[in-house]
C-alpha cells in the first residue's frame, strides 16, 4: 500500500505483507471478525481485496479514532470490549463514507 491507502481482506484470506518498512513508515493493522462484520462492510460499501485511497485529512481523522481505540484497549476499563467494537464500527463507517464522498480510484489488491 502507498501512503493514504487502505484495504480490507476477508477472514482466512492470504494477503501480501512485507517487513521492509523504513523507520518513517507507519501503518495500522486491525484483525476483526464477528457475526455482523459482513453486514457492516456491506453497509459501508467496503469491498474486500480492493485498495482505497483517502485524503491526508481523512487519514488523520481515522488515525485519531484508531488511537482512541488503542487507549481504551490498553486501559481495559469495564466495558472496554463493547466500546472498542463500537468505536471500530465507527471507523469502518467513516472509511465507507470517505470512499463514497471522494470516489477514489480502486485497485485490485
Protein backbone atom coordinates (compact mmCIF):
# COMPACT_ATOMS: atom_id res chain seq x y z
CA UNK A 1 0.00 0.00 0.00
CA UNK A 2 1.04 3.57 -0.63
CA UNK A 3 0.56 6.46 1.82
CA UNK A 4 -3.13 7.25 2.47
CA UNK A 5 -4.31 3.85 1.25
CA UNK A 6 -6.16 1.02 2.95
CA UNK A 7 -7.53 -2.39 2.04
CA UNK A 8 -9.90 -4.95 3.53
CA UNK A 9 -9.24 -8.69 3.31
CA UNK A 10 -11.78 -11.37 4.11
CA UNK A 11 -11.14 -13.70 7.04
CA UNK A 12 -8.75 -16.58 6.26
CA UNK A 13 -7.58 -14.96 3.02
CA UNK A 14 -3.82 -14.75 2.47
CA UNK A 15 -2.65 -11.21 1.86
CA UNK A 16 0.68 -9.74 0.76
CA UNK A 17 2.82 -8.37 3.54
CA UNK A 18 6.45 -7.37 3.79
CA UNK A 19 8.61 -6.30 6.70
CA UNK A 20 10.71 -3.99 4.56
CA UNK A 21 9.44 -0.81 6.20
CA UNK A 22 11.72 2.10 6.87
CA UNK A 23 11.64 3.94 10.19
CA UNK A 24 9.35 6.68 8.89
CA UNK A 25 6.60 4.27 7.84
CA UNK A 26 3.53 3.97 9.97
CA UNK A 27 0.54 1.75 9.49
CA UNK A 28 -2.38 0.24 11.33
CA UNK A 29 -3.39 -3.37 11.03
CA UNK A 30 -6.70 -4.46 12.52
CA UNK A 31 -7.98 -8.00 12.67
CA UNK A 32 -11.71 -8.07 13.20
CA UNK A 33 -14.44 -10.64 12.95
CA UNK A 34 -17.90 -11.20 14.27
CA UNK A 35 -21.36 -12.25 13.36
CA UNK A 36 -22.25 -8.90 11.75
CA UNK A 37 -18.97 -7.97 10.13
CA UNK A 38 -20.03 -8.78 6.56
CA UNK A 39 -23.24 -6.81 7.09
CA UNK A 40 -21.24 -3.83 8.39
CA UNK A 41 -18.78 -3.96 5.48
CA UNK A 42 -21.67 -4.21 3.01
CA UNK A 43 -23.40 -1.25 4.66
CA UNK A 44 -20.19 0.78 4.42
CA UNK A 45 -19.75 -0.35 0.81
CA UNK A 46 -16.22 -1.55 1.50
CA UNK A 47 -15.28 -4.34 -0.88
CA UNK A 48 -12.63 -6.87 0.07
CA UNK A 49 -9.44 -7.11 -1.95
CA UNK A 50 -9.59 -3.52 -3.15
CA UNK A 51 -7.15 -0.73 -2.40
CA UNK A 52 -8.79 2.55 -1.44
CA UNK A 53 -7.06 5.92 -1.41
CA UNK A 54 -8.07 8.66 1.03
CA UNK A 55 -7.07 12.26 1.55
CA UNK A 56 -4.49 13.10 4.22
CA UNK A 57 -7.12 14.88 6.35
CA UNK A 58 -9.29 11.75 6.27
CA UNK A 59 -6.35 9.56 7.25
CA UNK A 60 -5.62 11.97 10.13
CA UNK A 61 -9.19 11.58 11.42
CA UNK A 62 -9.09 7.79 11.12
CA UNK A 63 -5.70 7.72 12.89
CA UNK A 64 -7.14 9.69 15.83
CA UNK A 65 -10.09 7.31 16.04
CA UNK A 66 -7.83 4.25 15.99
CA UNK A 67 -5.56 5.74 18.65
CA UNK A 68 -8.65 6.25 20.85
CA UNK A 69 -9.46 2.56 20.37
CA UNK A 70 -5.90 1.67 21.42
CA UNK A 71 -6.25 3.79 24.58
CA UNK A 72 -9.48 2.00 25.51
CA UNK A 73 -7.91 -1.37 24.85
CA UNK A 74 -4.80 -0.57 26.92
CA UNK A 75 -6.78 0.82 29.89
CA UNK A 76 -9.17 -2.17 29.84
CA UNK A 77 -11.79 -0.47 31.95
CA UNK A 78 -15.10 -2.29 32.41
CA UNK A 79 -16.93 -2.48 29.10
CA UNK A 80 -13.81 -1.85 27.02
CA UNK A 81 -14.58 -4.73 24.63
CA UNK A 82 -18.02 -3.37 23.80
CA UNK A 83 -16.88 0.21 23.41
CA UNK A 84 -13.86 -0.69 21.25
CA UNK A 85 -16.13 -2.80 18.99
CA UNK A 86 -18.48 0.17 18.65
CA UNK A 87 -15.59 2.56 18.02
CA UNK A 88 -14.16 0.27 15.33
CA UNK A 89 -17.57 0.07 13.67
CA UNK A 90 -17.49 3.88 13.60
CA UNK A 91 -14.07 3.77 11.90
CA UNK A 92 -15.46 1.43 9.23
CA UNK A 93 -18.46 3.71 8.70
CA UNK A 94 -16.19 6.74 8.30
CA UNK A 95 -13.96 4.85 5.86
CA UNK A 96 -17.00 3.91 3.80
CA UNK A 97 -18.28 7.49 3.80
CA UNK A 98 -14.89 8.86 2.79
CA UNK A 99 -14.69 6.35 -0.06
CA UNK A 100 -18.15 7.29 -1.34
CA UNK A 101 -17.57 11.04 -0.94
CA UNK A 102 -14.25 11.07 -2.74
CA UNK A 103 -14.95 8.39 -5.36
CA UNK A 104 -11.34 7.24 -5.05
CA UNK A 105 -9.77 5.12 -7.71
CA UNK A 106 -9.97 1.42 -6.82
CA UNK A 107 -7.17 -1.02 -7.50
CA UNK A 108 -7.27 -4.77 -7.26
CA UNK A 109 -5.30 -5.83 -4.16
